Amino acid sequence: MKKFFRIFLLLVIVALAIFIYVRYYFVLGEGVKSGELNYCVKKGYVFKTYEGKLIQSGIRSLSPNTIQSYDFEFSVTNEKVAKTLMANSGMVFDLYYKEYKGAIPWRGFSRYVVDSIVAMKDPRNGNIVR
């Protein structure tokens, strides 16, 4: 009976480890989002993380003859990237992100985690700043 219990406990631990890995650490998708940076802030009760919002405009809505914007909310893990975003609010950014199935408190509030800036443009004249 002890041997069965040990094997059962080992299987439960392995299954739990696989579940946690797939849910919180496996990269489900990755890509680039482009839009105007609305804000980037550092916030949190216990874990202070960088959170931001990118506004993508020009996406068609379900209603005819209307334009609807899409808000892309994300977390930032790299402090240098976060400081660049905070210093340039209102600019148009192309942000490289990774999508996870779940959020972890010390990584941020969002399932989408931005880890680099592909390009930064001035919305007034379209010049690439970076």
N, C-alpha and C. Protein backbone atom coordinates (compact mmCIF):
# COMPACT_ATOMS: atom_id res chain seq x y z
N MET A 1 0.82 -1.19 0.00
CA MET A 1 0.00 0.00 0.00
C MET A 1 0.87 1.27 0.00
N LYS A 2 2.00 1.23 0.72
CA LYS A 2 2.90 2.39 0.76
C LYS A 2 3.46 2.69 -0.62
N LYS A 3 3.81 1.64 -1.36
CA LYS A 3 4.38 1.83 -2.69
C LYS A 3 3.34 2.49 -3.61
N PHE A 4 2.10 2.05 -3.56
CA PHE A 4 1.03 2.64 -4.37
C PHE A 4 0.84 4.11 -4.01
N PHE A 5 0.86 4.43 -2.73
CA PHE A 5 0.68 5.82 -2.29
C PHE A 5 1.82 6.70 -2.78
N ARG A 6 3.05 6.20 -2.72
CA ARG A 6 4.20 6.97 -3.20
C ARG A 6 4.11 7.24 -4.71
N ILE A 7 3.76 6.20 -5.46
CA ILE A 7 3.63 6.37 -6.91
C ILE A 7 2.50 7.36 -7.22
N PHE A 8 1.39 7.24 -6.54
CA PHE A 8 0.26 8.15 -6.74
C PHE A 8 0.65 9.59 -6.40
N LEU A 9 1.35 9.78 -5.29
CA LEU A 9 1.79 11.11 -4.88
C LEU A 9 2.78 11.69 -5.90
N LEU A 10 3.68 10.88 -6.40
CA LEU A 10 4.64 11.31 -7.41
C LEU A 10 3.92 11.73 -8.69
N LEU A 11 2.94 10.96 -9.12
CA LEU A 11 2.17 11.31 -10.31
C LEU A 11 1.39 12.61 -10.13
N VAL A 12 0.83 12.83 -8.96
CA VAL A 12 0.11 14.07 -8.68
C VAL A 12 1.06 15.26 -8.73
N ILE A 13 2.25 15.12 -8.15
CA ILE A 13 3.24 16.20 -8.15
C ILE A 13 3.71 16.50 -9.57
N VAL A 14 3.96 15.49 -10.38
CA VAL A 14 4.39 15.68 -11.76
C VAL A 14 3.28 16.35 -12.57
N ALA A 15 2.04 15.90 -12.39
CA ALA A 15 0.91 16.49 -13.11
C ALA A 15 0.72 17.96 -12.71
N LEU A 16 0.88 18.25 -11.44
CA LEU A 16 0.76 19.64 -10.96
C LEU A 16 1.88 20.51 -11.54
N ALA A 17 3.10 19.98 -11.58
CA ALA A 17 4.23 20.73 -12.16
C ALA A 17 4.00 21.01 -13.64
N ILE A 18 3.50 20.02 -14.38
CA ILE A 18 3.21 20.22 -15.80
C ILE A 18 2.12 21.26 -15.98
N PHE A 19 1.07 21.19 -15.17
CA PHE A 19 -0.03 22.16 -15.24
C PHE A 19 0.47 23.58 -14.99
N ILE A 20 1.27 23.77 -13.95
CA ILE A 20 1.80 25.10 -13.61
C ILE A 20 2.69 25.63 -14.73
N TYR A 21 3.54 24.76 -15.29
CA TYR A 21 4.41 25.19 -16.38
C TYR A 21 3.60 25.65 -17.59
N VAL A 22 2.64 24.83 -18.01
CA VAL A 22 1.85 25.16 -19.20
C VAL A 22 0.99 26.40 -18.96
N ARG A 23 0.44 26.52 -17.79
CA ARG A 23 -0.46 27.64 -17.48
C ARG A 23 0.28 28.98 -17.34
N TYR A 24 1.46 28.98 -16.72
CA TYR A 24 2.10 30.24 -16.37
C TYR A 24 3.45 30.51 -17.04
N TYR A 25 4.10 29.52 -17.61
CA TYR A 25 5.45 29.74 -18.16
C TYR A 25 5.58 29.40 -19.64
N PHE A 26 4.69 28.61 -20.19
CA PHE A 26 4.74 28.25 -21.61
C PHE A 26 4.26 29.43 -22.44
N VAL A 27 5.06 29.83 -23.44
CA VAL A 27 4.69 30.95 -24.31
C VAL A 27 3.69 30.44 -25.33
N LEU A 28 2.46 30.94 -25.21
CA LEU A 28 1.37 30.52 -26.08
C LEU A 28 1.48 31.18 -27.45
N GLY A 29 1.89 32.44 -27.49
CA GLY A 29 2.04 33.16 -28.74
C GLY A 29 2.97 34.34 -28.56
N GLU A 30 3.47 34.84 -29.66
CA GLU A 30 4.32 36.02 -29.62
C GLU A 30 4.16 36.79 -30.92
N GLY A 31 4.40 38.09 -30.85
CA GLY A 31 4.24 38.91 -32.04
C GLY A 31 4.51 40.37 -31.76
N VAL A 32 4.04 41.23 -32.67
CA VAL A 32 4.25 42.67 -32.56
C VAL A 32 2.89 43.35 -32.62
N LYS A 33 2.65 44.28 -31.71
CA LYS A 33 1.46 45.12 -31.71
C LYS A 33 1.92 46.55 -31.93
N SER A 34 1.13 47.29 -32.70
CA SER A 34 1.47 48.67 -33.00
C SER A 34 0.32 49.58 -32.61
N GLY A 35 0.65 50.73 -32.04
CA GLY A 35 -0.37 51.70 -31.67
C GLY A 35 0.23 52.83 -30.84
N GLU A 36 -0.64 53.73 -30.44
CA GLU A 36 -0.22 54.88 -29.65
C GLU A 36 -0.22 54.51 -28.17
N LEU A 37 0.89 54.80 -27.51
CA LEU A 37 1.01 54.47 -26.09
C LEU A 37 0.16 55.43 -25.27
N ASN A 38 -0.79 54.87 -24.53
CA ASN A 38 -1.65 55.69 -23.67
C ASN A 38 -0.95 55.95 -22.34
N TYR A 39 -0.44 54.89 -21.71
CA TYR A 39 0.28 55.07 -20.46
C TYR A 39 1.16 53.86 -20.17
N CYS A 40 2.13 54.07 -19.31
CA CYS A 40 2.95 53.01 -18.74
C CYS A 40 3.25 53.43 -17.32
N VAL A 41 2.86 52.60 -16.34
CA VAL A 41 3.01 52.95 -14.94
C VAL A 41 3.59 51.77 -14.16
N LYS A 42 4.17 52.09 -13.02
CA LYS A 42 4.65 51.07 -12.10
C LYS A 42 3.65 51.00 -10.97
N LYS A 43 3.05 49.82 -10.77
CA LYS A 43 2.04 49.72 -9.72
C LYS A 43 1.99 48.31 -9.15
N GLY A 44 1.32 48.18 -8.02
CA GLY A 44 1.15 46.89 -7.38
C GLY A 44 1.17 47.03 -5.88
N TYR A 45 0.52 46.11 -5.20
CA TYR A 45 0.48 46.12 -3.74
C TYR A 45 1.74 45.50 -3.14
N VAL A 46 2.04 44.28 -3.53
CA VAL A 46 3.22 43.59 -3.02
C VAL A 46 4.33 43.59 -4.06
N PHE A 47 3.99 43.17 -5.25
CA PHE A 47 4.96 43.13 -6.35
C PHE A 47 4.72 44.34 -7.23
N LYS A 48 5.69 45.24 -7.31
CA LYS A 48 5.59 46.42 -8.16
C LYS A 48 5.98 46.02 -9.58
N THR A 49 5.03 46.12 -10.49
CA THR A 49 5.27 45.75 -11.87
C THR A 49 4.90 46.91 -12.79
N TYR A 50 5.43 46.89 -14.00
CA TYR A 50 5.15 47.92 -14.98
C TYR A 50 3.96 47.47 -15.83
N GLU A 51 2.95 48.32 -15.92
CA GLU A 51 1.75 48.02 -16.69
C GLU A 51 1.51 49.14 -17.70
N GLY A 52 1.02 48.80 -18.88
CA GLY A 52 0.79 49.81 -19.90
C GLY A 52 -0.42 49.51 -20.76
N LYS A 53 -0.78 50.52 -21.55
CA LYS A 53 -1.90 50.37 -22.48
C LYS A 53 -1.54 51.03 -23.80
N LEU A 54 -1.76 50.29 -24.87
CA LEU A 54 -1.50 50.73 -26.23
C LEU A 54 -2.85 50.84 -26.93
N ILE A 55 -3.11 51.96 -27.59
CA ILE A 55 -4.38 52.14 -28.29
C ILE A 55 -4.15 51.91 -29.78
N GLN A 56 -4.81 50.89 -30.31
CA GLN A 56 -4.74 50.59 -31.73
C GLN A 56 -6.00 51.16 -32.37
N SER A 57 -5.86 52.09 -33.27
CA SER A 57 -7.04 52.70 -33.88
C SER A 57 -7.28 52.17 -35.28
N GLY A 58 -8.46 52.44 -35.78
CA GLY A 58 -8.77 52.08 -37.16
C GLY A 58 -9.28 50.68 -37.35
N ILE A 59 -9.59 49.98 -36.29
CA ILE A 59 -10.14 48.63 -36.41
C ILE A 59 -11.64 48.74 -36.65
N ARG A 60 -12.15 48.01 -37.61
CA ARG A 60 -13.58 48.06 -37.90
C ARG A 60 -14.39 47.48 -36.75
N SER A 61 -15.53 48.09 -36.50
CA SER A 61 -16.41 47.58 -35.45
C SER A 61 -17.54 46.78 -36.11
N LEU A 62 -18.37 46.19 -35.31
CA LEU A 62 -19.48 45.40 -35.81
C LEU A 62 -20.59 46.29 -36.36
N SER A 63 -20.67 47.53 -35.90
CA SER A 63 -21.68 48.46 -36.39
C SER A 63 -21.20 49.06 -37.72
N PRO A 64 -22.11 49.22 -38.68
CA PRO A 64 -21.68 49.80 -39.97
C PRO A 64 -21.30 51.28 -39.84
N ASN A 65 -20.32 51.70 -40.64
CA ASN A 65 -19.87 53.09 -40.72
C ASN A 65 -19.31 53.64 -39.42
N THR A 66 -18.71 52.80 -38.61
CA THR A 66 -18.08 53.27 -37.38
C THR A 66 -16.68 52.68 -37.27
N ILE A 67 -15.84 53.39 -36.54
CA ILE A 67 -14.48 52.91 -36.27
C ILE A 67 -14.35 52.73 -34.77
N GLN A 68 -13.81 51.62 -34.38
CA GLN A 68 -13.65 51.31 -32.96
C GLN A 68 -12.17 51.11 -32.67
N SER A 69 -11.70 51.65 -31.56
CA SER A 69 -10.30 51.43 -31.20
C SER A 69 -10.20 50.21 -30.29
N TYR A 70 -9.02 49.62 -30.28
CA TYR A 70 -8.76 48.44 -29.47
C TYR A 70 -7.66 48.77 -28.50
N ASP A 71 -7.90 48.49 -27.24
CA ASP A 71 -6.89 48.73 -26.21
C ASP A 71 -6.12 47.45 -25.96
N PHE A 72 -4.81 47.53 -26.04
CA PHE A 72 -3.93 46.40 -25.77
C PHE A 72 -3.25 46.67 -24.43
N GLU A 73 -3.69 45.96 -23.40
CA GLU A 73 -3.10 46.13 -22.07
C GLU A 73 -2.02 45.08 -21.88
N PHE A 74 -0.90 45.52 -21.34
CA PHE A 74 0.26 44.65 -21.24
C PHE A 74 1.06 44.93 -19.97
N SER A 75 1.96 44.00 -19.65
CA SER A 75 2.93 44.15 -18.58
C SER A 75 4.31 44.22 -19.21
N VAL A 76 5.25 44.84 -18.50
CA VAL A 76 6.62 44.96 -18.99
C VAL A 76 7.55 44.37 -17.93
N THR A 77 8.44 43.47 -18.34
CA THR A 77 9.36 42.85 -17.39
C THR A 77 10.72 43.54 -17.37
N ASN A 78 11.11 44.15 -18.47
CA ASN A 78 12.42 44.79 -18.59
C ASN A 78 12.31 46.25 -18.14
N GLU A 79 13.06 46.63 -17.11
CA GLU A 79 12.98 47.98 -16.55
C GLU A 79 13.42 49.05 -17.56
N LYS A 80 14.42 48.75 -18.37
CA LYS A 80 14.89 49.72 -19.36
C LYS A 80 13.80 50.01 -20.40
N VAL A 81 13.11 48.97 -20.85
CA VAL A 81 12.01 49.14 -21.80
C VAL A 81 10.89 49.94 -21.16
N ALA A 82 10.57 49.65 -19.90
CA ALA A 82 9.50 50.36 -19.18
C ALA A 82 9.83 51.84 -19.03
N LYS A 83 11.06 52.16 -18.71
CA LYS A 83 11.45 53.57 -18.55
C LYS A 83 11.37 54.31 -19.89
N THR A 84 11.74 53.64 -20.98
CA THR A 84 11.61 54.26 -22.30
C THR A 84 10.15 54.53 -22.63
N LEU A 85 9.28 53.58 -22.32
CA LEU A 85 7.85 53.76 -22.56
C LEU A 85 7.30 54.90 -21.70
N MET A 86 7.69 54.95 -20.43
CA MET A 86 7.18 55.99 -19.53
C MET A 86 7.62 57.38 -19.99
N ALA A 87 8.80 57.48 -20.56
CA ALA A 87 9.32 58.78 -20.98
C ALA A 87 8.73 59.25 -22.31
N ASN A 88 8.04 58.36 -23.04
CA ASN A 88 7.56 58.70 -24.37
C ASN A 88 6.07 58.39 -24.56
N SER A 89 5.28 58.67 -23.58
CA SER A 89 3.84 58.46 -23.69
C SER A 89 3.28 59.33 -24.81
N GLY A 90 2.37 58.77 -25.60
CA GLY A 90 1.80 59.50 -26.72
C GLY A 90 2.46 59.19 -28.04
N MET A 91 3.61 58.55 -28.02
CA MET A 91 4.30 58.16 -29.26
C MET A 91 3.66 56.88 -29.81
N VAL A 92 3.91 56.60 -31.07
CA VAL A 92 3.43 55.38 -31.69
C VAL A 92 4.55 54.34 -31.58
N PHE A 93 4.22 53.19 -31.01
CA PHE A 93 5.20 52.15 -30.76
C PHE A 93 4.84 50.87 -31.50
N ASP A 94 5.85 50.12 -31.89
CA ASP A 94 5.72 48.73 -32.31
C ASP A 94 6.37 47.93 -31.19
N LEU A 95 5.57 47.18 -30.45
CA LEU A 95 6.05 46.46 -29.28
C LEU A 95 6.04 44.95 -29.53
N TYR A 96 7.16 44.31 -29.20
CA TYR A 96 7.25 42.85 -29.29
C TYR A 96 6.76 42.27 -27.97
N TYR A 97 5.83 41.32 -28.04
CA TYR A 97 5.24 40.77 -26.82
C TYR A 97 5.18 39.24 -26.87
N LYS A 98 5.01 38.67 -25.69
CA LYS A 98 4.77 37.23 -25.54
C LYS A 98 3.45 37.06 -24.79
N GLU A 99 2.68 36.08 -25.23
CA GLU A 99 1.39 35.81 -24.60
C GLU A 99 1.47 34.52 -23.80
N TYR A 100 1.03 34.58 -22.56
CA TYR A 100 0.97 33.43 -21.68
C TYR A 100 -0.49 33.10 -21.40
N LYS A 101 -0.75 31.91 -20.93
CA LYS A 101 -2.12 31.50 -20.62
C LYS A 101 -2.62 32.14 -19.34
N GLY A 102 -1.73 32.44 -18.41
CA GLY A 102 -2.11 33.06 -17.14
C GLY A 102 -1.08 34.07 -16.68
N ALA A 103 -1.51 34.96 -15.80
CA ALA A 103 -0.62 35.99 -15.25
C ALA A 103 -0.06 35.53 -13.91
N ILE A 104 1.16 35.94 -13.64
CA ILE A 104 1.82 35.67 -12.35
C ILE A 104 2.05 37.03 -11.68
N PRO A 105 1.76 37.15 -10.38
CA PRO A 105 1.85 38.46 -9.71
C PRO A 105 3.20 39.17 -9.88
N TRP A 106 4.31 38.47 -9.85
CA TRP A 106 5.62 39.13 -9.95
C TRP A 106 6.01 39.42 -11.40
N ARG A 107 5.25 38.92 -12.37
CA ARG A 107 5.50 39.23 -13.78
C ARG A 107 4.58 40.34 -14.28
N GLY A 108 3.44 40.54 -13.62
CA GLY A 108 2.52 41.59 -14.01
C GLY A 108 1.07 41.14 -13.96
N PHE A 109 0.17 42.08 -14.21
CA PHE A 109 -1.27 41.81 -14.14
C PHE A 109 -1.81 41.19 -15.42
N SER A 110 -1.08 41.30 -16.51
CA SER A 110 -1.59 40.90 -17.82
C SER A 110 -0.97 39.59 -18.29
N ARG A 111 -1.70 38.92 -19.18
CA ARG A 111 -1.17 37.72 -19.84
C ARG A 111 -0.18 38.09 -20.94
N TYR A 112 -0.22 39.35 -21.38
CA TYR A 112 0.65 39.83 -22.44
C TYR A 112 1.85 40.55 -21.82
N VAL A 113 3.05 40.10 -22.15
CA VAL A 113 4.26 40.66 -21.56
C VAL A 113 5.14 41.22 -22.68
N VAL A 114 5.36 42.53 -22.65
CA VAL A 114 6.22 43.20 -23.62
C VAL A 114 7.65 43.10 -23.14
N ASP A 115 8.55 42.66 -24.03
CA ASP A 115 9.95 42.57 -23.62
C ASP A 115 10.89 43.39 -24.48
N SER A 116 10.39 44.02 -25.56
CA SER A 116 11.27 44.89 -26.34
C SER A 116 10.46 45.85 -27.20
N ILE A 117 11.13 46.91 -27.61
CA ILE A 117 10.53 47.91 -28.50
C ILE A 117 11.13 47.69 -29.89
N VAL A 118 10.28 47.46 -30.88
CA VAL A 118 10.74 47.25 -32.25
C VAL A 118 11.00 48.60 -32.91
N ALA A 119 10.03 49.52 -32.76
CA ALA A 119 10.18 50.86 -33.35
C ALA A 119 9.35 51.86 -32.56
N MET A 120 9.79 53.12 -32.61
CA MET A 120 9.07 54.21 -31.96
C MET A 120 8.98 55.35 -32.96
N LYS A 121 7.74 55.85 -33.20
CA LYS A 121 7.53 56.89 -34.20
C LYS A 121 6.83 58.09 -33.56
N ASP A 122 7.14 59.25 -34.08
CA ASP A 122 6.46 60.47 -33.66
C ASP A 122 5.15 60.55 -34.44
N PRO A 123 3.98 60.62 -33.76
CA PRO A 123 2.71 60.61 -34.47
C PRO A 123 2.44 61.88 -35.28
N ARG A 124 3.12 62.96 -34.95
CA ARG A 124 2.89 64.23 -35.66
C ARG A 124 3.49 64.23 -37.06
N ASN A 125 4.67 63.65 -37.20
CA ASN A 125 5.32 63.68 -38.52
C ASN A 125 5.68 62.31 -39.06
N GLY A 126 5.48 61.25 -38.28
CA GLY A 126 5.75 59.89 -38.74
C GLY A 126 7.21 59.50 -38.76
N ASN A 127 8.09 60.34 -38.27
CA ASN A 127 9.53 60.01 -38.26
C ASN A 127 9.82 58.94 -37.21
N ILE A 128 10.66 58.01 -37.58
CA ILE A 128 11.08 56.98 -36.64
C ILE A 128 12.11 57.58 -35.70
N VAL A 129 11.81 57.48 -34.40
CA VAL A 129 12.68 58.07 -33.38
C VAL A 129 13.75 57.07 -32.98
N ARG A 130 13.40 55.82 -32.93
CA ARG A 130 14.34 54.80 -32.49
C ARG A 130 14.42 53.70 -33.49
